[in-house]
Structures are given as C-alpha cells and as structure tokens.
Amino acid sequence: MRVLGLDIGSRSVDAVWLEEGRIVDSAVADSGFDPAAAARVFVERGNHDVLIATGYGRHTARESFACDVVTEIKAYAAGASVLFPGAASVLDIGGQDTKVITLGATGKVTDFEMNDKCAAGTGKFLEVMARALGFTLEEMAAEAIAASRTVAITSMCTVFAESEVTGLVHRGESRSAIARGLHESIAKRTVSSLKRVGAVGPLVFAGGVAKNPAMVALIRREFPGDVLVPGESETDSQIVGAFGAALCGLPVK
C-alpha cells in the first residue's frame, strides 16, 4: 500500500510517499497564494492508495480531496520518533510558527507549545530580517557564523525588529554582528519555550529553519542536551511533518 502524506504550510507544501512504511519519494513546493492548488499537483500524480494531510491547510485539503487529517503536533511527533527512535522532544521552526513538543517513551506527545499567533523567530521573521540587512537567507546565516561579535536585538516582533535592524544599519553597526544578534535572540527565545514544556534531549530539530547552520549551532549551544537534525542524516528536515502524516495513514497493526 502506498500512502501520500501532505504537510500544507504557510510557506511550503511538503509531500512524502510511503510504501511498506518506507519513504519512496518526496517533494517540496512553494505554497504561493493558493496552497491547495500546490497540494493538488502532488495529489494528481495519483500514485497513492491513501492520502492524509497535516499543517494549517489540512482542513482545506479534507474539503478538496476528501482525505483524512492529523494535527501538526501528532504528525511531527510521529515523524521525529520514527526517524530518531528514543527522541525525547521535537522542535519545529517553520515558515510562520514554532512548535515545541515533548515525547513519552513510546513517542507519544506528552506536552507541547505552539506560537501560531506571532511570526517571531520563524522562517518569515528571518526572511524579513535578511531583506532588511541586504542579505539572502544563506548569506545572513554565514555572516552570523563568521561574526566576531554580536549586537543585541531587543524586539522579537517582526515589525519592530525590522525597524530596529534598519536603525542599527543606518548607525553604522556591522551587518554581520546584527545577523549574529538576530540568530542569538531566536535561539534564546526558542530554548525558553523548550524549557517551559520540560523538553530534554535528544531533541529533534525539524522544519525549514533547521537548514540554517547558524540556528542549528546556536540551538546546540543553548540547549542542554543532544540536538539531532534530520537534514544531517538521510531525510530532509523540511519533510518531517509530511512523513509523520503519512505514517499516521498506515493501517494499525
């Protein structure tokens, strides 16, 4: 049996095809202005027996494709615990939200926190800050890693932080130091969220922001436990949610 798992997010639509419980294909597309249309491209490939969706667009998917849905928390927990058996917690920093999840011994969710009301510290936040600094996302991460010092950023609100960064640049502050400060602010905020839910290692760091080497390095510095990144193994960190959704679509044995 082949299962298609979709993670329909604000910035991307991620797809994973499972056959006999193994990943046989995966794909990522920009959500654009119509995430359902982006998802439909994957659905219309037609090479699946079961379809299950997660992400903020999962309810639209249920209406459009008559499929089952699963919450993002359950999907990420399932995907992370299969990729890394023994994982105790999960961090997903996506396009416009951050999820922190603690897991029990069998990979079941025991607690979670989700900042779905504010884009602070998410992929969208980083995109806006990179633009304010005149960097691409990749350049900003590289500059943050290379910086010899840091400039503290006092605001994590996207609008106020952009204004703060622009002001710092106009005053002649080093763009590299500002980039470092932005990444450090996100890392500290994220680790505070992890502490609130009692997260311990091993921590699986998933989502698109897990591709940012500066964020990975700083989360590892701040978090008191092992941090595992799917992109450093065989599976792209961005498709963990879609993988988890597909796993939830497998028949219960």
C-alpha atoms as a PDB file:
ATOM      1  CA  MET A   1       0.000   0.000   0.000  1.00  0.00           C
ATOM      2  CA  ARG A   2       1.245   3.477  -0.898  1.00  0.00           C
ATOM      3  CA  VAL A   3       0.442   6.436   1.371  1.00  0.00           C
ATOM      4  CA  LEU A   4       0.808  10.108   0.467  1.00  0.00           C
ATOM      5  CA  GLY A   5       1.359  12.473   3.383  1.00  0.00           C
ATOM      6  CA  LEU A   6       0.953  16.215   2.809  1.00  0.00           C
ATOM      7  CA  ASP A   7       2.111  18.999   5.108  1.00  0.00           C
ATOM      8  CA  ILE A   8       0.366  22.129   3.843  1.00  0.00           C
ATOM      9  CA  GLY A   9       2.102  25.077   5.461  1.00  0.00           C
ATOM     10  CA  SER A  10       2.153  28.829   5.027  1.00  0.00           C
ATOM     11  CA  ARG A  11       5.419  28.855   3.087  1.00  0.00           C
ATOM     12  CA  SER A  12       5.614  25.415   1.517  1.00  0.00           C
ATOM     13  CA  VAL A  13       3.657  22.270   0.711  1.00  0.00           C
ATOM     14  CA  ASP A  14       5.665  19.159   1.527  1.00  0.00           C
ATOM     15  CA  ALA A  15       4.832  15.670   0.285  1.00  0.00           C
ATOM     16  CA  VAL A  16       6.084  12.211   1.232  1.00  0.00           C
ATOM     17  CA  TRP A  17       5.108   8.915  -0.381  1.00  0.00           C
ATOM     18  CA  LEU A  18       5.472   5.789   1.730  1.00  0.00           C
ATOM     19  CA  GLU A  19       5.388   2.228   0.506  1.00  0.00           C
ATOM     20  CA  GLU A  20       5.528  -0.588   3.046  1.00  0.00           C
ATOM     21  CA  GLY A  21       6.385   2.079   5.618  1.00  0.00           C
ATOM     22  CA  ARG A  22       9.465   3.343   3.732  1.00  0.00           C
ATOM     23  CA  ILE A  23       9.925   6.696   2.008  1.00  0.00           C
ATOM     24  CA  VAL A  24       9.950   6.070  -1.744  1.00  0.00           C
ATOM     25  CA  ASP A  25       9.567   9.689  -2.888  1.00  0.00           C
ATOM     26  CA  SER A  26       9.283  13.216  -1.521  1.00  0.00           C
ATOM     27  CA  ALA A  27       8.801  16.709  -2.877  1.00  0.00           C
ATOM     28  CA  VAL A  28       8.558  20.315  -1.701  1.00  0.00           C
ATOM     29  CA  ALA A  29       6.787  23.214  -3.436  1.00  0.00           C
ATOM     30  CA  ASP A  30       6.134  26.846  -2.537  1.00  0.00           C
ATOM     31  CA  SER A  31       2.659  27.395  -1.108  1.00  0.00           C
ATOM     32  CA  GLY A  32       2.239  30.569  -3.145  1.00  0.00           C
ATOM     33  CA  PHE A  33      -1.122  32.324  -2.994  1.00  0.00           C
ATOM     34  CA  ASP A  34      -3.075  29.057  -3.243  1.00  0.00           C
ATOM     35  CA  PRO A  35      -1.629  26.241  -1.105  1.00  0.00           C
ATOM     36  CA  ALA A  36      -4.480  23.905  -2.100  1.00  0.00           C
ATOM     37  CA  ALA A  37      -3.517  24.267  -5.764  1.00  0.00           C
ATOM     38  CA  ALA A  38       0.112  23.493  -4.904  1.00  0.00           C
ATOM     39  CA  ALA A  39      -1.037  20.408  -2.994  1.00  0.00           C
ATOM     40  CA  ARG A  40      -3.276  19.324  -5.854  1.00  0.00           C
ATOM     41  CA  VAL A  41      -0.232  18.921  -8.110  1.00  0.00           C
ATOM     42  CA  PHE A  42       1.046  16.186  -5.779  1.00  0.00           C
ATOM     43  CA  VAL A  43      -2.377  14.589  -5.316  1.00  0.00           C
ATOM     44  CA  GLU A  44      -2.975  14.411  -9.054  1.00  0.00           C
ATOM     45  CA  ARG A  45       0.121  12.300  -9.549  1.00  0.00           C
ATOM     46  CA  GLY A  46      -2.298   9.609  -8.461  1.00  0.00           C
ATOM     47  CA  ASN A  47       0.307   7.123  -7.278  1.00  0.00           C
ATOM     48  CA  HIS A  48      -1.132   6.563  -3.808  1.00  0.00           C
ATOM     49  CA  ASP A  49      -3.822   4.474  -2.146  1.00  0.00           C
ATOM     50  CA  VAL A  50      -4.285   6.633   0.946  1.00  0.00           C
ATOM     51  CA  LEU A  51      -3.975  10.408   1.383  1.00  0.00           C
ATOM     52  CA  ILE A  52      -3.602  12.163   4.724  1.00  0.00           C
ATOM     53  CA  ALA A  53      -2.861  15.830   5.359  1.00  0.00           C
ATOM     54  CA  THR A  54      -1.459  17.980   8.163  1.00  0.00           C
ATOM     55  CA  GLY A  55      -0.475  21.618   8.520  1.00  0.00           C
ATOM     56  CA  TYR A  56      -2.553  24.750   8.706  1.00  0.00           C
ATOM     57  CA  GLY A  57      -4.112  23.891   5.326  1.00  0.00           C
ATOM     58  CA  ARG A  58      -5.215  20.406   6.330  1.00  0.00           C
ATOM     59  CA  HIS A  59      -8.900  21.301   6.641  1.00  0.00           C
ATOM     60  CA  THR A  60      -8.919  22.770   3.147  1.00  0.00           C
ATOM     61  CA  ALA A  61      -7.298  19.556   1.959  1.00  0.00           C
ATOM     62  CA  ARG A  62     -10.041  17.500   3.620  1.00  0.00           C
ATOM     63  CA  GLU A  63     -12.664  19.528   1.765  1.00  0.00           C
ATOM     64  CA  SER A  64     -10.800  19.475  -1.555  1.00  0.00           C
ATOM     65  CA  PHE A  65      -9.551  15.881  -1.595  1.00  0.00           C
ATOM     66  CA  ALA A  66     -11.895  14.080   0.852  1.00  0.00           C
ATOM     67  CA  CYS A  67      -8.874  12.904   2.826  1.00  0.00           C
ATOM     68  CA  ASP A  68      -8.189  12.262   6.489  1.00  0.00           C
ATOM     69  CA  VAL A  69      -6.264  14.858   8.502  1.00  0.00           C
ATOM     70  CA  VAL A  70      -3.959  14.827  11.506  1.00  0.00           C
ATOM     71  CA  THR A  71      -2.722  17.672  13.703  1.00  0.00           C
ATOM     72  CA  GLU A  72       0.761  19.076  13.137  1.00  0.00           C
ATOM     73  CA  ILE A  73       1.745  18.141  16.681  1.00  0.00           C
ATOM     74  CA  LYS A  74       0.858  14.474  16.140  1.00  0.00           C
ATOM     75  CA  ALA A  75       2.460  14.415  12.685  1.00  0.00           C
ATOM     76  CA  TYR A  76       5.779  15.902  13.820  1.00  0.00           C
ATOM     77  CA  ALA A  77       5.886  13.650  16.854  1.00  0.00           C
ATOM     78  CA  ALA A  78       5.302  10.581  14.669  1.00  0.00           C
ATOM     79  CA  GLY A  79       7.863  11.583  12.052  1.00  0.00           C
ATOM     80  CA  ALA A  80      10.570  12.553  14.537  1.00  0.00           C
ATOM     81  CA  SER A  81      10.175   9.464  16.722  1.00  0.00           C
ATOM     82  CA  VAL A  82      10.493   7.113  13.734  1.00  0.00           C
ATOM     83  CA  LEU A  83      13.472   8.960  12.256  1.00  0.00           C
ATOM     84  CA  PHE A  84      15.176   9.053  15.655  1.00  0.00           C
ATOM     85  CA  PRO A  85      13.940   6.284  17.962  1.00  0.00           C
ATOM     86  CA  GLY A  86      14.434   7.382  21.537  1.00  0.00           C
ATOM     87  CA  ALA A  87      13.947  11.083  20.784  1.00  0.00           C
ATOM     88  CA  ALA A  88      12.555  12.867  23.842  1.00  0.00           C
ATOM     89  CA  SER A  89      11.441  16.143  22.285  1.00  0.00           C
ATOM     90  CA  VAL A  90      10.841  17.899  18.979  1.00  0.00           C
ATOM     91  CA  LEU A  91      11.422  21.455  17.768  1.00  0.00           C
ATOM     92  CA  ASP A  92       9.869  22.585  14.505  1.00  0.00           C
ATOM     93  CA  ILE A  93      10.558  26.126  13.300  1.00  0.00           C
ATOM     94  CA  GLY A  94       8.510  26.601  10.177  1.00  0.00           C
ATOM     95  CA  GLY A  95       7.537  29.481   7.954  1.00  0.00           C
ATOM     96  CA  GLN A  96       5.192  31.232  10.369  1.00  0.00           C
ATOM     97  CA  ASP A  97       5.017  29.196  13.556  1.00  0.00           C
ATOM     98  CA  THR A  98       7.194  27.322  16.026  1.00  0.00           C
ATOM     99  CA  LYS A  99       6.235  24.089  17.758  1.00  0.00           C
ATOM    100  CA  VAL A 100       7.966  22.530  20.762  1.00  0.00           C
ATOM    101  CA  ILE A 101       6.863  19.037  21.740  1.00  0.00           C
ATOM    102  CA  THR A 102       7.828  16.583  24.467  1.00  0.00           C
ATOM    103  CA  LEU A 103       7.535  12.848  23.873  1.00  0.00           C
ATOM    104  CA  GLY A 104       6.966   9.868  26.099  1.00  0.00           C
ATOM    105  CA  ALA A 105       8.876   6.614  25.950  1.00  0.00           C
ATOM    106  CA  THR A 106       6.739   5.307  23.059  1.00  0.00           C
ATOM    107  CA  GLY A 107       6.916   8.533  21.033  1.00  0.00           C
ATOM    108  CA  LYS A 108       3.515   9.787  22.169  1.00  0.00           C
ATOM    109  CA  VAL A 109       3.031  13.508  22.791  1.00  0.00           C
ATOM    110  CA  THR A 110       3.163  14.426  26.494  1.00  0.00           C
ATOM    111  CA  ASP A 111       3.164  18.230  26.183  1.00  0.00           C
ATOM    112  CA  PHE A 112       3.566  20.938  23.570  1.00  0.00           C
ATOM    113  CA  GLU A 113       3.610  24.685  22.966  1.00  0.00           C
ATOM    114  CA  MET A 114       2.921  26.444  19.686  1.00  0.00           C
ATOM    115  CA  ASN A 115       3.309  30.126  18.793  1.00  0.00           C
ATOM    116  CA  ASP A 116       0.822  30.235  15.932  1.00  0.00           C
ATOM    117  CA  LYS A 117      -0.249  33.812  16.739  1.00  0.00           C
ATOM    118  CA  CYS A 118       3.082  35.514  16.037  1.00  0.00           C
ATOM    119  CA  ALA A 119       5.797  35.050  13.401  1.00  0.00           C
ATOM    120  CA  ALA A 120       8.624  35.984  15.802  1.00  0.00           C
ATOM    121  CA  GLY A 121      11.605  33.706  15.360  1.00  0.00           C
ATOM    122  CA  THR A 122      10.156  31.830  12.375  1.00  0.00           C
ATOM    123  CA  GLY A 123      11.238  31.479   8.776  1.00  0.00           C
ATOM    124  CA  LYS A 124       9.167  34.520   7.817  1.00  0.00           C
ATOM    125  CA  PHE A 125      10.898  36.568  10.526  1.00  0.00           C
ATOM    126  CA  LEU A 126      14.307  35.551   9.187  1.00  0.00           C
ATOM    127  CA  GLU A 127      13.280  36.409   5.619  1.00  0.00           C
ATOM    128  CA  VAL A 128      12.243  39.919   6.671  1.00  0.00           C
ATOM    129  CA  MET A 129      15.440  40.450   8.679  1.00  0.00           C
ATOM    130  CA  ALA A 130      17.642  39.205   5.828  1.00  0.00           C
ATOM    131  CA  ARG A 131      15.958  41.639   3.479  1.00  0.00           C
ATOM    132  CA  ALA A 132      16.467  44.493   5.958  1.00  0.00           C
ATOM    133  CA  LEU A 133      20.179  43.633   6.096  1.00  0.00           C
ATOM    134  CA  GLY A 134      20.520  43.248   2.338  1.00  0.00           C
ATOM    135  CA  PHE A 135      21.381  39.532   2.591  1.00  0.00           C
ATOM    136  CA  THR A 136      19.917  36.332   1.260  1.00  0.00           C
ATOM    137  CA  LEU A 137      18.962  33.853   3.982  1.00  0.00           C
ATOM    138  CA  GLU A 138      22.084  31.822   3.209  1.00  0.00           C
ATOM    139  CA  GLU A 139      24.312  34.911   3.362  1.00  0.00           C
ATOM    140  CA  MET A 140      22.789  36.027   6.666  1.00  0.00           C
ATOM    141  CA  ALA A 141      23.431  32.632   8.253  1.00  0.00           C
ATOM    142  CA  ALA A 142      27.027  32.612   7.008  1.00  0.00           C
ATOM    143  CA  GLU A 143      27.599  36.154   8.301  1.00  0.00           C
ATOM    144  CA  ALA A 144      26.137  35.228  11.683  1.00  0.00           C
ATOM    145  CA  ILE A 145      28.518  32.274  11.977  1.00  0.00           C
ATOM    146  CA  ALA A 146      31.535  34.341  10.934  1.00  0.00           C
ATOM    147  CA  ALA A 147      30.774  37.370  13.143  1.00  0.00           C
ATOM    148  CA  SER A 148      33.394  38.122  15.784  1.00  0.00           C
ATOM    149  CA  ARG A 149      30.902  39.978  17.981  1.00  0.00           C
ATOM    150  CA  THR A 150      27.160  40.380  18.408  1.00  0.00           C
ATOM    151  CA  VAL A 151      24.672  43.246  18.587  1.00  0.00           C
ATOM    152  CA  ALA A 152      21.752  42.563  20.914  1.00  0.00           C
ATOM    153  CA  ILE A 153      18.292  42.820  19.336  1.00  0.00           C
ATOM    154  CA  THR A 154      15.686  43.978  21.838  1.00  0.00           C
ATOM    155  CA  SER A 155      12.495  43.247  19.887  1.00  0.00           C
ATOM    156  CA  MET A 156      11.223  39.961  18.502  1.00  0.00           C
ATOM    157  CA  CYS A 157       8.118  41.473  16.909  1.00  0.00           C
ATOM    158  CA  THR A 158       8.723  41.295  13.160  1.00  0.00           C
ATOM    159  CA  VAL A 159       7.641  44.891  12.516  1.00  0.00           C
ATOM    160  CA  PHE A 160       9.575  46.419  15.415  1.00  0.00           C
ATOM    161  CA  ALA A 161      12.639  44.224  14.855  1.00  0.00           C
ATOM    162  CA  GLU A 162      12.812  45.261  11.205  1.00  0.00           C
ATOM    163  CA  SER A 163      12.733  48.905  12.258  1.00  0.00           C
ATOM    164  CA  GLU A 164      15.385  48.243  14.912  1.00  0.00           C
ATOM    165  CA  VAL A 165      17.662  46.463  12.425  1.00  0.00           C
ATOM    166  CA  THR A 166      17.273  49.240   9.858  1.00  0.00           C
ATOM    167  CA  GLY A 167      18.183  51.804  12.514  1.00  0.00           C
ATOM    168  CA  LEU A 168      21.263  49.841  13.550  1.00  0.00           C
ATOM    169  CA  VAL A 169      22.449  49.609   9.940  1.00  0.00           C
ATOM    170  CA  HIS A 170      21.962  53.362   9.466  1.00  0.00           C
ATOM    171  CA  ARG A 171      24.049  53.994  12.580  1.00  0.00           C
ATOM    172  CA  GLY A 172      26.911  52.037  11.050  1.00  0.00           C
ATOM    173  CA  GLU A 173      26.674  48.816  13.064  1.00  0.00           C
ATOM    174  CA  SER A 174      28.212  45.740  11.485  1.00  0.00           C
ATOM    175  CA  ARG A 175      25.631  43.785   9.496  1.00  0.00           C
ATOM    176  CA  SER A 176      27.368  40.556  10.500  1.00  0.00           C
ATOM    177  CA  ALA A 177      27.089  41.447  14.184  1.00  0.00           C
ATOM    178  CA  ILE A 178      23.407  42.288  13.737  1.00  0.00           C
ATOM    179  CA  ALA A 179      22.843  38.968  11.962  1.00  0.00           C
ATOM    180  CA  ARG A 180      24.525  37.212  14.882  1.00  0.00           C
ATOM    181  CA  GLY A 181      22.344  39.076  17.352  1.00  0.00           C
ATOM    182  CA  LEU A 182      19.168  38.134  15.494  1.00  0.00           C
ATOM    183  CA  HIS A 183      20.058  34.447  15.479  1.00  0.00           C
ATOM    184  CA  GLU A 184      21.040  34.524  19.158  1.00  0.00           C
ATOM    185  CA  SER A 185      17.734  36.180  20.076  1.00  0.00           C
ATOM    186  CA  ILE A 186      15.773  33.474  18.255  1.00  0.00           C
ATOM    187  CA  ALA A 187      17.828  30.694  19.845  1.00  0.00           C
ATOM    188  CA  LYS A 188      17.293  32.047  23.368  1.00  0.00           C
ATOM    189  CA  ARG A 189      13.567  32.549  22.789  1.00  0.00           C
ATOM    190  CA  THR A 190      13.258  29.036  21.385  1.00  0.00           C
ATOM    191  CA  VAL A 191      15.148  27.393  24.234  1.00  0.00           C
ATOM    192  CA  SER A 192      12.930  29.249  26.706  1.00  0.00           C
ATOM    193  CA  SER A 193       9.907  27.645  25.008  1.00  0.00           C
ATOM    194  CA  LEU A 194      11.553  24.242  25.229  1.00  0.00           C
ATOM    195  CA  LYS A 195      12.202  24.738  28.944  1.00  0.00           C
ATOM    196  CA  ARG A 196       8.558  25.675  29.566  1.00  0.00           C
ATOM    197  CA  VAL A 197       7.392  22.271  28.324  1.00  0.00           C
ATOM    198  CA  GLY A 198      10.204  20.446  30.125  1.00  0.00           C
ATOM    199  CA  ALA A 199      11.979  19.347  26.952  1.00  0.00           C
ATOM    200  CA  VAL A 200      15.123  17.252  27.320  1.00  0.00           C
ATOM    201  CA  GLY A 201      17.447  15.625  24.836  1.00  0.00           C
ATOM    202  CA  PRO A 202      17.659  14.017  22.425  1.00  0.00           C
ATOM    203  CA  LEU A 203      15.864  16.902  20.693  1.00  0.00           C
ATOM    204  CA  VAL A 204      14.902  16.560  17.023  1.00  0.00           C
ATOM    205  CA  PHE A 205      15.191  19.941  15.268  1.00  0.00           C
ATOM    206  CA  ALA A 206      12.895  19.841  12.216  1.00  0.00           C
ATOM    207  CA  GLY A 207      11.339  22.333   9.809  1.00  0.00           C
ATOM    208  CA  GLY A 208      12.757  24.659   7.191  1.00  0.00           C
ATOM    209  CA  VAL A 209      14.775  26.741   9.675  1.00  0.00           C
ATOM    210  CA  ALA A 210      16.695  23.587  10.656  1.00  0.00           C
ATOM    211  CA  LYS A 211      18.505  24.070   7.332  1.00  0.00           C
ATOM    212  CA  ASN A 212      20.048  27.261   8.726  1.00  0.00           C
ATOM    213  CA  PRO A 213      23.511  26.302  10.068  1.00  0.00           C
ATOM    214  CA  ALA A 214      23.709  29.332  12.356  1.00  0.00           C
ATOM    215  CA  MET A 215      20.426  28.422  14.036  1.00  0.00           C
ATOM    216  CA  VAL A 216      21.481  24.798  14.424  1.00  0.00           C
ATOM    217  CA  ALA A 217      24.797  25.819  16.009  1.00  0.00           C
ATOM    218  CA  LEU A 218      23.153  28.249  18.435  1.00  0.00           C
ATOM    219  CA  ILE A 219      20.337  25.874  19.441  1.00  0.00           C
ATOM    220  CA  ARG A 220      23.023  23.277  20.145  1.00  0.00           C
ATOM    221  CA  ARG A 221      24.930  25.823  22.232  1.00  0.00           C
ATOM    222  CA  GLU A 222      21.886  26.901  24.249  1.00  0.00           C
ATOM    223  CA  PHE A 223      20.016  23.603  24.683  1.00  0.00           C
ATOM    224  CA  PRO A 224      21.293  21.307  27.473  1.00  0.00           C
ATOM    225  CA  GLY A 225      21.080  18.061  25.515  1.00  0.00           C
ATOM    226  CA  ASP A 226      21.758  16.389  22.189  1.00  0.00           C
ATOM    227  CA  VAL A 227      20.214  18.113  19.155  1.00  0.00           C
ATOM    228  CA  LEU A 228      19.516  15.877  16.138  1.00  0.00           C
ATOM    229  CA  VAL A 229      18.867  17.398  12.714  1.00  0.00           C
ATOM    230  CA  PRO A 230      17.171  15.242  10.043  1.00  0.00           C
ATOM    231  CA  GLY A 231      18.954  17.099   7.248  1.00  0.00           C
ATOM    232  CA  GLU A 232      22.256  15.855   8.634  1.00  0.00           C
ATOM    233  CA  SER A 233      21.086  12.261   8.163  1.00  0.00           C
ATOM    234  CA  GLU A 234      19.132  10.962   5.177  1.00  0.00           C
ATOM    235  CA  THR A 235      15.826  12.795   5.474  1.00  0.00           C
ATOM    236  CA  ASP A 236      15.273  16.483   4.711  1.00  0.00           C
ATOM    237  CA  SER A 237      14.312  18.354   7.893  1.00  0.00           C
ATOM    238  CA  GLN A 238      11.537  20.099   5.977  1.00  0.00           C
ATOM    239  CA  ILE A 239       9.540  16.933   5.264  1.00  0.00           C
ATOM    240  CA  VAL A 240       9.295  15.559   8.813  1.00  0.00           C
ATOM    241  CA  GLY A 241       5.669  16.697   9.128  1.00  0.00           C
ATOM    242  CA  ALA A 242       4.657  15.157   5.815  1.00  0.00           C
ATOM    243  CA  PHE A 243       6.487  11.960   6.765  1.00  0.00           C
ATOM    244  CA  GLY A 244       4.650  11.871  10.081  1.00  0.00           C
ATOM    245  CA  ALA A 245       1.319  12.448   8.377  1.00  0.00           C
ATOM    246  CA  ALA A 246       1.992   9.553   6.005  1.00  0.00           C
ATOM    247  CA  LEU A 247       2.921   7.328   8.956  1.00  0.00           C
ATOM    248  CA  CYS A 248      -0.419   8.198  10.578  1.00  0.00           C
ATOM    249  CA  GLY A 249      -2.114   6.984   7.382  1.00  0.00           C
ATOM    250  CA  LEU A 250      -0.665   3.484   7.652  1.00  0.00           C
ATOM    251  CA  PRO A 251      -3.022   0.758   8.898  1.00  0.00           C
ATOM    252  CA  VAL A 252      -2.716  -0.001  12.594  1.00  0.00           C
ATOM    253  CA  LYS A 253      -1.092  -3.362  13.134  1.00  0.00           C
END
